[in-house]
Amino acid sequence: MARRPILSALAFEGSEPIAEAPSAARRFLTDVQAV
C-alpha cells in the first residue's frame, strides 16, 4: 500500500524574516524523519 503524502503549508505576508522559511523547512523534514 502506498504511503499517504506528508504535507506542510506556510503563508508569508512579507513581514517575516526570510530566514524563517528555511528554518520551517528544516523543522518539517526533521519531523518527517522522527515521526
PDB file of all heavy atoms in Angstrom:
ATOM      1  N   MET A   1       0.826  -1.159   0.000  1.00  0.00           N
ATOM      2  CA  MET A   1       0.000   0.000   0.000  1.00  0.00           C
ATOM      3  C   MET A   1       0.888   1.245   0.000  1.00  0.00           C
ATOM      4  O   MET A   1       1.870   1.322   0.708  1.00  0.00           O
ATOM      5  CB  MET A   1      -0.900  -0.001   1.228  1.00  0.00           C
ATOM      6  CG  MET A   1      -1.663   1.252   1.281  1.00  0.00           C
ATOM      7  SD  MET A   1      -3.073   1.518   2.311  1.00  0.00           S
ATOM      8  CE  MET A   1      -3.187   0.626   3.686  1.00  0.00           C
ATOM      9  N   ALA A   2       0.529   2.226  -0.823  1.00  0.00           N
ATOM     10  CA  ALA A   2       1.307   3.454  -0.939  1.00  0.00           C
ATOM     11  C   ALA A   2       1.114   4.316   0.300  1.00  0.00           C
ATOM     12  O   ALA A   2       0.035   4.357   0.879  1.00  0.00           O
ATOM     13  CB  ALA A   2       0.882   4.221  -2.187  1.00  0.00           C
ATOM     14  N   ARG A   3       2.181   4.983   0.686  1.00  0.00           N
ATOM     15  CA  ARG A   3       2.109   5.907   1.814  1.00  0.00           C
ATOM     16  C   ARG A   3       1.367   7.160   1.418  1.00  0.00           C
ATOM     17  O   ARG A   3       1.487   7.640   0.295  1.00  0.00           O
ATOM     18  CB  ARG A   3       3.512   6.328   2.238  1.00  0.00           C
ATOM     19  CG  ARG A   3       4.142   5.406   3.174  1.00  0.00           C
ATOM     20  CD  ARG A   3       5.368   6.065   3.745  1.00  0.00           C
ATOM     21  NE  ARG A   3       5.844   5.201   4.788  1.00  0.00           N
ATOM     22  CZ  ARG A   3       6.923   5.394   5.488  1.00  0.00           C
ATOM     23  NH1 ARG A   3       7.663   6.438   5.261  1.00  0.00           N
ATOM     24  NH2 ARG A   3       7.279   4.556   6.402  1.00  0.00           N
ATOM     25  N   ARG A   4       0.624   7.704   2.339  1.00  0.00           N
ATOM     26  CA  ARG A   4      -0.037   8.981   2.097  1.00  0.00           C
ATOM     27  C   ARG A   4       1.013  10.085   2.154  1.00  0.00           C
ATOM     28  O   ARG A   4       1.941  10.018   2.962  1.00  0.00           O
ATOM     29  CB  ARG A   4      -1.104   9.220   3.154  1.00  0.00           C
ATOM     30  CG  ARG A   4      -2.187   8.145   3.113  1.00  0.00           C
ATOM     31  CD  ARG A   4      -3.247   8.391   4.120  1.00  0.00           C
ATOM     32  NE  ARG A   4      -4.016   9.549   3.654  1.00  0.00           N
ATOM     33  CZ  ARG A   4      -4.797  10.282   4.431  1.00  0.00           C
ATOM     34  NH1 ARG A   4      -4.906  10.007   5.696  1.00  0.00           N
ATOM     35  NH2 ARG A   4      -5.457  11.292   3.951  1.00  0.00           N
ATOM     36  N   PRO A   5       0.871  11.105   1.327  1.00  0.00           N
ATOM     37  CA  PRO A   5       1.828  12.213   1.378  1.00  0.00           C
ATOM     38  C   PRO A   5       1.789  12.913   2.734  1.00  0.00           C
ATOM     39  O   PRO A   5       0.757  12.958   3.397  1.00  0.00           O
ATOM     40  CB  PRO A   5       1.358  13.161   0.280  1.00  0.00           C
ATOM     41  CG  PRO A   5       0.321  12.433  -0.494  1.00  0.00           C
ATOM     42  CD  PRO A   5      -0.134  11.269   0.318  1.00  0.00           C
ATOM     43  N   ILE A   6       2.898  13.466   3.122  1.00  0.00           N
ATOM     44  CA  ILE A   6       3.018  14.251   4.338  1.00  0.00           C
ATOM     45  C   ILE A   6       3.103  15.709   3.898  1.00  0.00           C
ATOM     46  O   ILE A   6       3.936  16.063   3.068  1.00  0.00           O
ATOM     47  CB  ILE A   6       4.275  13.839   5.124  1.00  0.00           C
ATOM     48  CG1 ILE A   6       4.236  12.344   5.418  1.00  0.00           C
ATOM     49  CG2 ILE A   6       4.395  14.651   6.398  1.00  0.00           C
ATOM     50  CD1 ILE A   6       5.573  11.764   5.789  1.00  0.00           C
ATOM     51  N   LEU A   7       2.246  16.554   4.435  1.00  0.00           N
ATOM     52  CA  LEU A   7       2.116  17.923   3.949  1.00  0.00           C
ATOM     53  C   LEU A   7       2.442  18.961   5.006  1.00  0.00           C
ATOM     54  O   LEU A   7       2.241  18.732   6.193  1.00  0.00           O
ATOM     55  CB  LEU A   7       0.678  18.168   3.478  1.00  0.00           C
ATOM     56  CG  LEU A   7       0.122  17.220   2.444  1.00  0.00           C
ATOM     57  CD1 LEU A   7      -1.374  17.425   2.289  1.00  0.00           C
ATOM     58  CD2 LEU A   7       0.818  17.423   1.123  1.00  0.00           C
ATOM     59  N   SER A   8       2.895  20.108   4.536  1.00  0.00           N
ATOM     60  CA  SER A   8       3.070  21.282   5.374  1.00  0.00           C
ATOM     61  C   SER A   8       2.792  22.500   4.501  1.00  0.00           C
ATOM     62  O   SER A   8       3.221  22.548   3.353  1.00  0.00           O
ATOM     63  CB  SER A   8       4.497  21.362   5.910  1.00  0.00           C
ATOM     64  OG  SER A   8       4.684  22.541   6.638  1.00  0.00           O
ATOM     65  N   ALA A   9       2.071  23.463   5.004  1.00  0.00           N
ATOM     66  CA  ALA A   9       1.793  24.696   4.267  1.00  0.00           C
ATOM     67  C   ALA A   9       2.167  25.886   5.141  1.00  0.00           C
ATOM     68  O   ALA A   9       1.872  25.912   6.329  1.00  0.00           O
ATOM     69  CB  ALA A   9       0.317  24.764   3.886  1.00  0.00           C
ATOM     70  N   LEU A  10       2.836  26.857   4.544  1.00  0.00           N
ATOM     71  CA  LEU A  10       3.262  28.053   5.252  1.00  0.00           C
ATOM     72  C   LEU A  10       2.840  29.272   4.447  1.00  0.00           C
ATOM     73  O   LEU A  10       2.975  29.286   3.229  1.00  0.00           O
ATOM     74  CB  LEU A  10       4.784  28.074   5.404  1.00  0.00           C
ATOM     75  CG  LEU A  10       5.420  26.853   6.061  1.00  0.00           C
ATOM     76  CD1 LEU A  10       6.908  26.850   5.827  1.00  0.00           C
ATOM     77  CD2 LEU A  10       5.123  26.864   7.545  1.00  0.00           C
ATOM     78  N   ALA A  11       2.343  30.279   5.101  1.00  0.00           N
ATOM     79  CA  ALA A  11       1.978  31.532   4.452  1.00  0.00           C
ATOM     80  C   ALA A  11       2.925  32.619   4.947  1.00  0.00           C
ATOM     81  O   ALA A  11       3.214  32.706   6.142  1.00  0.00           O
ATOM     82  CB  ALA A  11       0.536  31.902   4.771  1.00  0.00           C
ATOM     83  N   PHE A  12       3.407  33.431   4.033  1.00  0.00           N
ATOM     84  CA  PHE A  12       4.286  34.545   4.364  1.00  0.00           C
ATOM     85  C   PHE A  12       3.645  35.814   3.835  1.00  0.00           C
ATOM     86  O   PHE A  12       3.307  35.905   2.663  1.00  0.00           O
ATOM     87  CB  PHE A  12       5.674  34.343   3.744  1.00  0.00           C
ATOM     88  CG  PHE A  12       6.397  33.167   4.305  1.00  0.00           C
ATOM     89  CD1 PHE A  12       6.280  31.922   3.712  1.00  0.00           C
ATOM     90  CD2 PHE A  12       7.176  33.285   5.435  1.00  0.00           C
ATOM     91  CE1 PHE A  12       6.931  30.819   4.236  1.00  0.00           C
ATOM     92  CE2 PHE A  12       7.828  32.199   5.966  1.00  0.00           C
ATOM     93  CZ  PHE A  12       7.709  30.963   5.370  1.00  0.00           C
ATOM     94  N   GLU A  13       3.488  36.790   4.705  1.00  0.00           N
ATOM     95  CA  GLU A  13       2.848  38.040   4.319  1.00  0.00           C
ATOM     96  C   GLU A  13       3.853  39.100   3.903  1.00  0.00           C
ATOM     97  O   GLU A  13       3.482  40.134   3.384  1.00  0.00           O
ATOM     98  CB  GLU A  13       1.991  38.558   5.471  1.00  0.00           C
ATOM     99  CG  GLU A  13       0.847  37.624   5.801  1.00  0.00           C
ATOM    100  CD  GLU A  13       0.038  38.117   6.982  1.00  0.00           C
ATOM    101  OE1 GLU A  13       0.123  39.318   7.307  1.00  0.00           O
ATOM    102  OE2 GLU A  13      -0.665  37.296   7.573  1.00  0.00           O
ATOM    103  N   GLY A  14       5.125  38.844   4.115  1.00  0.00           N
ATOM    104  CA  GLY A  14       6.147  39.807   3.732  1.00  0.00           C
ATOM    105  C   GLY A  14       6.822  40.477   4.909  1.00  0.00           C
ATOM    106  O   GLY A  14       7.850  41.115   4.749  1.00  0.00           O
ATOM    107  N   SER A  15       6.261  40.343   6.102  1.00  0.00           N
ATOM    108  CA  SER A  15       6.877  40.973   7.267  1.00  0.00           C
ATOM    109  C   SER A  15       7.789  40.013   8.027  1.00  0.00           C
ATOM    110  O   SER A  15       8.592  40.443   8.850  1.00  0.00           O
ATOM    111  CB  SER A  15       5.792  41.512   8.204  1.00  0.00           C
ATOM    112  OG  SER A  15       4.953  40.457   8.643  1.00  0.00           O
ATOM    113  N   GLU A  16       7.667  38.720   7.751  1.00  0.00           N
ATOM    114  CA  GLU A  16       8.505  37.734   8.444  1.00  0.00           C
ATOM    115  C   GLU A  16       9.921  37.765   7.870  1.00  0.00           C
ATOM    116  O   GLU A  16      10.112  38.057   6.703  1.00  0.00           O
ATOM    117  CB  GLU A  16       7.956  36.314   8.250  1.00  0.00           C
ATOM    118  CG  GLU A  16       6.536  36.124   8.653  1.00  0.00           C
ATOM    119  CD  GLU A  16       5.554  36.486   7.542  1.00  0.00           C
ATOM    120  OE1 GLU A  16       5.944  36.948   6.470  1.00  0.00           O
ATOM    121  OE2 GLU A  16       4.363  36.326   7.790  1.00  0.00           O
ATOM    122  N   PRO A  17      10.906  37.433   8.688  1.00  0.00           N
ATOM    123  CA  PRO A  17      12.262  37.330   8.146  1.00  0.00           C
ATOM    124  C   PRO A  17      12.334  36.178   7.139  1.00  0.00           C
ATOM    125  O   PRO A  17      11.727  35.121   7.337  1.00  0.00           O
ATOM    126  CB  PRO A  17      13.136  37.036   9.363  1.00  0.00           C
ATOM    127  CG  PRO A  17      12.255  37.113  10.555  1.00  0.00           C
ATOM    128  CD  PRO A  17      10.841  37.188  10.109  1.00  0.00           C
ATOM    129  N   ILE A  18      13.069  36.397   6.065  1.00  0.00           N
ATOM    130  CA  ILE A  18      13.218  35.358   5.042  1.00  0.00           C
ATOM    131  C   ILE A  18      13.801  34.092   5.661  1.00  0.00           C
ATOM    132  O   ILE A  18      13.461  32.982   5.260  1.00  0.00           O
ATOM    133  CB  ILE A  18      14.086  35.869   3.874  1.00  0.00           C
ATOM    134  CG1 ILE A  18      13.314  36.944   3.107  1.00  0.00           C
ATOM    135  CG2 ILE A  18      14.496  34.741   2.948  1.00  0.00           C
ATOM    136  CD1 ILE A  18      14.120  37.651   2.037  1.00  0.00           C
ATOM    137  N   ALA A  19      14.656  34.236   6.666  1.00  0.00           N
ATOM    138  CA  ALA A  19      15.289  33.079   7.307  1.00  0.00           C
ATOM    139  C   ALA A  19      14.272  32.141   7.950  1.00  0.00           C
ATOM    140  O   ALA A  19      14.598  30.988   8.236  1.00  0.00           O
ATOM    141  CB  ALA A  19      16.302  33.541   8.344  1.00  0.00           C
ATOM    142  N   GLU A  20      13.047  32.597   8.176  1.00  0.00           N
ATOM    143  CA  GLU A  20      12.033  31.726   8.782  1.00  0.00           C
ATOM    144  C   GLU A  20      11.654  30.579   7.843  1.00  0.00           C
ATOM    145  O   GLU A  20      11.355  29.485   8.293  1.00  0.00           O
ATOM    146  CB  GLU A  20      10.793  32.542   9.159  1.00  0.00           C
ATOM    147  CG  GLU A  20       9.676  31.741   9.762  1.00  0.00           C
ATOM    148  CD  GLU A  20      10.076  30.946  11.009  1.00  0.00           C
ATOM    149  OE1 GLU A  20      10.981  31.361  11.753  1.00  0.00           O
ATOM    150  OE2 GLU A  20       9.467  29.882  11.235  1.00  0.00           O
ATOM    151  N   ALA A  21      11.672  30.822   6.542  1.00  0.00           N
ATOM    152  CA  ALA A  21      11.248  29.792   5.583  1.00  0.00           C
ATOM    153  C   ALA A  21      12.171  28.567   5.595  1.00  0.00           C
ATOM    154  O   ALA A  21      11.684  27.443   5.750  1.00  0.00           O
ATOM    155  CB  ALA A  21      11.125  30.380   4.183  1.00  0.00           C
ATOM    156  N   PRO A  22      13.492  28.718   5.452  1.00  0.00           N
ATOM    157  CA  PRO A  22      14.339  27.522   5.507  1.00  0.00           C
ATOM    158  C   PRO A  22      14.311  26.846   6.876  1.00  0.00           C
ATOM    159  O   PRO A  22      14.403  25.614   6.962  1.00  0.00           O
ATOM    160  CB  PRO A  22      15.736  28.012   5.155  1.00  0.00           C
ATOM    161  CG  PRO A  22      15.648  29.461   4.924  1.00  0.00           C
ATOM    162  CD  PRO A  22      14.241  29.896   5.045  1.00  0.00           C
ATOM    163  N   SER A  23      14.150  27.621   7.945  1.00  0.00           N
ATOM    164  CA  SER A  23      14.038  27.024   9.273  1.00  0.00           C
ATOM    165  C   SER A  23      12.778  26.178   9.381  1.00  0.00           C
ATOM    166  O   SER A  23      12.791  25.085   9.955  1.00  0.00           O
ATOM    167  CB  SER A  23      14.023  28.109  10.354  1.00  0.00           C
ATOM    168  OG  SER A  23      15.222  28.828  10.342  1.00  0.00           O
ATOM    169  N   ALA A  24      11.680  26.667   8.815  1.00  0.00           N
ATOM    170  CA  ALA A  24      10.425  25.908   8.820  1.00  0.00           C
ATOM    171  C   ALA A  24      10.574  24.641   7.987  1.00  0.00           C
ATOM    172  O   ALA A  24      10.066  23.575   8.368  1.00  0.00           O
ATOM    173  CB  ALA A  24       9.283  26.767   8.286  1.00  0.00           C
ATOM    174  N   ALA A  25      11.282  24.713   6.869  1.00  0.00           N
ATOM    175  CA  ALA A  25      11.514  23.521   6.039  1.00  0.00           C
ATOM    176  C   ALA A  25      12.342  22.490   6.811  1.00  0.00           C
ATOM    177  O   ALA A  25      12.055  21.288   6.766  1.00  0.00           O
ATOM    178  CB  ALA A  25      12.216  23.909   4.735  1.00  0.00           C
ATOM    179  N   ARG A  26      13.338  22.954   7.544  1.00  0.00           N
ATOM    180  CA  ARG A  26      14.162  22.037   8.357  1.00  0.00           C
ATOM    181  C   ARG A  26      13.312  21.350   9.426  1.00  0.00           C
ATOM    182  O   ARG A  26      13.420  20.147   9.637  1.00  0.00           O
ATOM    183  CB  ARG A  26      15.330  22.780   8.985  1.00  0.00           C
ATOM    184  CG  ARG A  26      16.226  21.877   9.817  1.00  0.00           C
ATOM    185  CD  ARG A  26      17.460  22.610  10.307  1.00  0.00           C
ATOM    186  NE  ARG A  26      18.444  21.688  10.787  1.00  0.00           N
ATOM    187  CZ  ARG A  26      19.247  20.931  10.058  1.00  0.00           C
ATOM    188  NH1 ARG A  26      19.184  20.995   8.754  1.00  0.00           N
ATOM    189  NH2 ARG A  26      20.109  20.105  10.599  1.00  0.00           N
ATOM    190  N   ARG A  27      12.475  22.129  10.116  1.00  0.00           N
ATOM    191  CA  ARG A  27      11.602  21.531  11.142  1.00  0.00           C
ATOM    192  C   ARG A  27      10.667  20.492  10.509  1.00  0.00           C
ATOM    193  O   ARG A  27      10.458  19.422  11.072  1.00  0.00           O
ATOM    194  CB  ARG A  27      10.788  22.623  11.840  1.00  0.00           C
ATOM    195  CG  ARG A  27      11.593  23.460  12.810  1.00  0.00           C
ATOM    196  CD  ARG A  27      10.711  24.359  13.665  1.00  0.00           C
ATOM    197  NE  ARG A  27       9.883  25.268  12.891  1.00  0.00           N
ATOM    198  CZ  ARG A  27      10.268  26.461  12.458  1.00  0.00           C
ATOM    199  NH1 ARG A  27      11.478  26.905  12.720  1.00  0.00           N
ATOM    200  NH2 ARG A  27       9.419  27.225  11.782  1.00  0.00           N
ATOM    201  N   PHE A  28      10.118  20.811   9.356  1.00  0.00           N
ATOM    202  CA  PHE A  28       9.227  19.885   8.662  1.00  0.00           C
ATOM    203  C   PHE A  28       9.964  18.578   8.342  1.00  0.00           C
ATOM    204  O   PHE A  28       9.471  17.485   8.636  1.00  0.00           O
ATOM    205  CB  PHE A  28       8.691  20.531   7.379  1.00  0.00           C
ATOM    206  CG  PHE A  28       7.952  19.580   6.481  1.00  0.00           C
ATOM    207  CD1 PHE A  28       6.701  19.090   6.836  1.00  0.00           C
ATOM    208  CD2 PHE A  28       8.494  19.189   5.261  1.00  0.00           C
ATOM    209  CE1 PHE A  28       6.011  18.216   5.998  1.00  0.00           C
ATOM    210  CE2 PHE A  28       7.813  18.324   4.425  1.00  0.00           C
ATOM    211  CZ  PHE A  28       6.572  17.833   4.798  1.00  0.00           C
ATOM    212  N   LEU A  29      11.155  18.663   7.757  1.00  0.00           N
ATOM    213  CA  LEU A  29      11.888  17.454   7.383  1.00  0.00           C
ATOM    214  C   LEU A  29      12.393  16.691   8.609  1.00  0.00           C
ATOM    215  O   LEU A  29      12.460  15.454   8.588  1.00  0.00           O
ATOM    216  CB  LEU A  29      13.041  17.795   6.444  1.00  0.00           C
ATOM    217  CG  LEU A  29      12.612  18.253   5.052  1.00  0.00           C
ATOM    218  CD1 LEU A  29      13.829  18.654   4.225  1.00  0.00           C
ATOM    219  CD2 LEU A  29      11.803  17.175   4.341  1.00  0.00           C
ATOM    220  N   THR A  30      12.715  17.397   9.682  1.00  0.00           N
ATOM    221  CA  THR A  30      13.094  16.730  10.927  1.00  0.00           C
ATOM    222  C   THR A  30      11.917  15.924  11.462  1.00  0.00           C
ATOM    223  O   THR A  30      12.083  14.779  11.900  1.00  0.00           O
ATOM    224  CB  THR A  30      13.575  17.769  11.963  1.00  0.00           C
ATOM    225  OG1 THR A  30      14.722  18.436  11.423  1.00  0.00           O
ATOM    226  CG2 THR A  30      13.943  17.117  13.275  1.00  0.00           C
ATOM    227  N   ASP A  31      10.714  16.491  11.398  1.00  0.00           N
ATOM    228  CA  ASP A  31       9.506  15.763  11.806  1.00  0.00           C
ATOM    229  C   ASP A  31       9.231  14.575  10.885  1.00  0.00           C
ATOM    230  O   ASP A  31       8.795  13.521  11.348  1.00  0.00           O
ATOM    231  CB  ASP A  31       8.286  16.683  11.821  1.00  0.00           C
ATOM    232  CG  ASP A  31       8.298  17.656  12.987  1.00  0.00           C
ATOM    233  OD1 ASP A  31       9.134  17.486  13.903  1.00  0.00           O
ATOM    234  OD2 ASP A  31       7.472  18.594  12.968  1.00  0.00           O
ATOM    235  N   VAL A  32       9.471  14.738   9.600  1.00  0.00           N
ATOM    236  CA  VAL A  32       9.277  13.635   8.647  1.00  0.00           C
ATOM    237  C   VAL A  32      10.135  12.443   9.074  1.00  0.00           C
ATOM    238  O   VAL A  32       9.675  11.304   9.072  1.00  0.00           O
ATOM    239  CB  VAL A  32       9.616  14.088   7.204  1.00  0.00           C
ATOM    240  CG1 VAL A  32       9.824  12.907   6.270  1.00  0.00           C
ATOM    241  CG2 VAL A  32       8.518  15.003   6.668  1.00  0.00           C
ATOM    242  N   GLN A  33      11.364  12.718   9.476  1.00  0.00           N
ATOM    243  CA  GLN A  33      12.255  11.641   9.926  1.00  0.00           C
ATOM    244  C   GLN A  33      11.799  11.060  11.265  1.00  0.00           C
ATOM    245  O   GLN A  33      11.671   9.843  11.413  1.00  0.00           O
ATOM    246  CB  GLN A  33      13.685  12.158  10.088  1.00  0.00           C
ATOM    247  CG  GLN A  33      14.399  12.420   8.808  1.00  0.00           C
ATOM    248  CD  GLN A  33      15.858  12.742   9.057  1.00  0.00           C
ATOM    249  OE1 GLN A  33      16.700  11.915   8.776  1.00  0.00           O
ATOM    250  NE2 GLN A  33      16.158  13.924   9.582  1.00  0.00           N
ATOM    251  N   ALA A  34      11.578  11.930  12.232  1.00  0.00           N
ATOM    252  CA  ALA A  34      11.296  11.478  13.596  1.00  0.00           C
ATOM    253  C   ALA A  34       9.927  10.823  13.725  1.00  0.00           C
ATOM    254  O   ALA A  34       9.787   9.786  14.377  1.00  0.00           O
ATOM    255  CB  ALA A  34      11.400  12.655  14.565  1.00  0.00           C
ATOM    256  N   VAL A  35       8.920  11.403  13.122  1.00  0.00           N
ATOM    257  CA  VAL A  35       7.551  10.927  13.299  1.00  0.00           C
ATOM    258  C   VAL A  35       7.189   9.829  12.310  1.00  0.00           C
ATOM    259  O   VAL A  35       6.529   8.854  12.662  1.00  0.00           O
ATOM    260  CB  VAL A  35       6.545  12.107  13.187  1.00  0.00           C
ATOM    261  CG1 VAL A  35       5.107  11.629  13.235  1.00  0.00           C
ATOM    262  CG2 VAL A  35       6.809  13.138  14.269  1.00  0.00           C
TER     263      VAL A  35
END
